[in-house]
Amino acid sequence: MKLRDHPLVNYRGVRNWPPVWTIARNGIFKTVKGEVGVLRYVYTAEGGISNKCFLLIHYQSEAYTGCMIFQEYSFCTQIAHFLRDHIGRPIKEIGDLDLSSTL
């Protein structure tokens, strides 16, 4: 099953892949949507205390941040570890990855 299609990749019934990508510069916010850019960094609080996973991508020479929120803390941690293994890959390719054997 592809990451984008996994039933736990949502929060309260709303799909969270791909996240909405946001950048703030000089007080102006800009957003882009879709499987764009290249993954550069993944952050989540370890120890099962957060259900949020923050991603940093580079897209069109700028750095954007996205946030994925999950209902289950443990799944959030698993996704964060999975995504860290794919830093440097395009977001589109990551969405195509098969999660069924790894999670």
Protein backbone atom coordinates (compact mmCIF):
# COMPACT_ATOMS: atom_id res chain seq x y z
CA MET A 1 0.00 0.00 0.00
CA LYS A 2 1.39 3.39 -1.01
CA LEU A 3 2.07 6.02 1.64
CA ARG A 4 -0.54 8.38 0.15
CA ASP A 5 -3.20 5.64 0.33
CA HIS A 6 -2.48 4.22 3.80
CA PRO A 7 -5.62 4.34 6.00
CA LEU A 8 -3.72 5.79 9.00
CA VAL A 9 -2.29 8.69 6.99
CA ASN A 10 -5.04 11.05 8.13
CA TYR A 11 -6.24 13.00 11.11
CA ARG A 12 -9.90 12.84 12.08
CA GLY A 13 -10.77 11.56 8.62
CA VAL A 14 -8.82 14.21 6.68
CA ARG A 15 -5.93 12.94 4.53
CA ASN A 16 -2.61 14.50 5.50
CA TRP A 17 -0.40 13.45 2.60
CA PRO A 18 0.91 15.53 1.12
CA PRO A 19 0.80 18.29 3.72
CA VAL A 20 0.13 21.88 2.73
CA TRP A 21 3.57 23.45 2.29
CA THR A 22 4.06 26.90 3.81
CA ILE A 23 6.78 29.55 3.80
CA ALA A 24 6.79 32.87 5.65
CA ARG A 25 8.96 35.70 4.45
CA ASN A 26 8.74 39.29 5.68
CA GLY A 27 5.36 38.63 7.24
CA ILE A 28 3.90 37.22 4.02
CA PHE A 29 2.77 33.61 3.92
CA LYS A 30 2.91 31.56 0.76
CA THR A 31 1.52 28.04 0.38
CA VAL A 32 1.76 25.33 -2.23
CA LYS A 33 -0.14 22.07 -2.42
CA GLY A 34 0.69 18.71 -3.86
CA GLU A 35 3.55 16.26 -4.05
CA VAL A 36 6.18 18.83 -4.91
CA GLY A 37 9.76 19.44 -3.89
CA VAL A 38 12.46 17.33 -2.28
CA LEU A 39 12.41 16.19 1.34
CA ARG A 40 15.23 17.78 3.36
CA TYR A 41 14.35 17.32 7.04
CA VAL A 42 11.89 15.47 9.30
CA TYR A 43 11.14 16.36 12.92
CA THR A 44 8.89 14.89 15.57
CA ALA A 45 9.15 14.78 19.34
CA GLU A 46 10.32 11.31 20.32
CA GLY A 47 8.91 9.24 23.15
CA GLY A 48 5.28 9.11 22.06
CA ILE A 49 4.48 12.60 23.29
CA SER A 50 3.49 14.20 20.00
CA ASN A 51 1.26 13.20 17.15
CA LYS A 52 2.77 15.81 14.80
CA CYS A 53 5.47 15.27 12.21
CA PHE A 54 7.06 18.34 10.62
CA LEU A 55 8.66 18.14 7.19
CA LEU A 56 10.96 20.56 5.41
CA ILE A 57 11.19 20.51 1.64
CA HIS A 58 13.03 22.51 -0.99
CA TYR A 59 10.85 23.63 -3.88
CA GLN A 60 11.67 26.24 -6.52
CA SER A 61 14.77 27.39 -4.59
CA GLU A 62 12.84 27.95 -1.35
CA ALA A 63 12.34 25.98 1.86
CA TYR A 64 8.75 25.08 2.79
CA THR A 65 7.42 23.45 5.94
CA GLY A 66 4.54 21.00 6.20
CA CYS A 67 2.92 19.29 9.16
CA MET A 68 1.29 15.86 9.30
CA ILE A 69 -0.94 15.16 12.31
CA PHE A 70 -1.91 11.62 13.26
CA GLN A 71 -4.44 10.10 15.62
CA GLU A 72 -1.91 7.56 16.92
CA TYR A 73 1.38 8.69 18.47
CA SER A 74 3.11 5.42 17.65
CA PHE A 75 2.19 5.63 13.96
CA CYS A 76 3.47 9.21 13.87
CA THR A 77 6.84 8.01 15.17
CA GLN A 78 6.93 5.17 12.64
CA ILE A 79 6.17 7.55 9.77
CA ALA A 80 8.86 9.98 10.95
CA HIS A 81 11.48 7.20 10.99
CA PHE A 82 10.29 6.00 7.58
CA LEU A 83 10.49 9.49 6.11
CA ARG A 84 13.98 10.11 7.54
CA ASP A 85 15.17 7.13 5.50
CA HIS A 86 14.07 8.96 2.37
CA ILE A 87 15.55 12.41 2.89
CA GLY A 88 16.82 13.72 -0.44
CA ARG A 89 14.07 12.09 -2.48
CA PRO A 90 11.24 13.87 -4.28
CA ILE A 91 7.96 14.05 -2.36
CA LYS A 92 6.17 12.44 -5.32
CA GLU A 93 8.44 9.39 -5.11
CA ILE A 94 7.94 9.16 -1.34
CA GLY A 95 4.16 9.16 -1.81
CA ASP A 96 4.59 6.18 -4.16
CA LEU A 97 6.53 4.12 -1.60
CA ASP A 98 4.99 0.92 -0.29
CA LEU A 99 4.30 0.94 3.46
CA SER A 100 2.71 -2.50 3.76
CA SER A 101 5.95 -4.35 4.51
CA THR A 102 7.68 -1.67 6.57
CA LEU A 103 5.06 -0.55 9.09
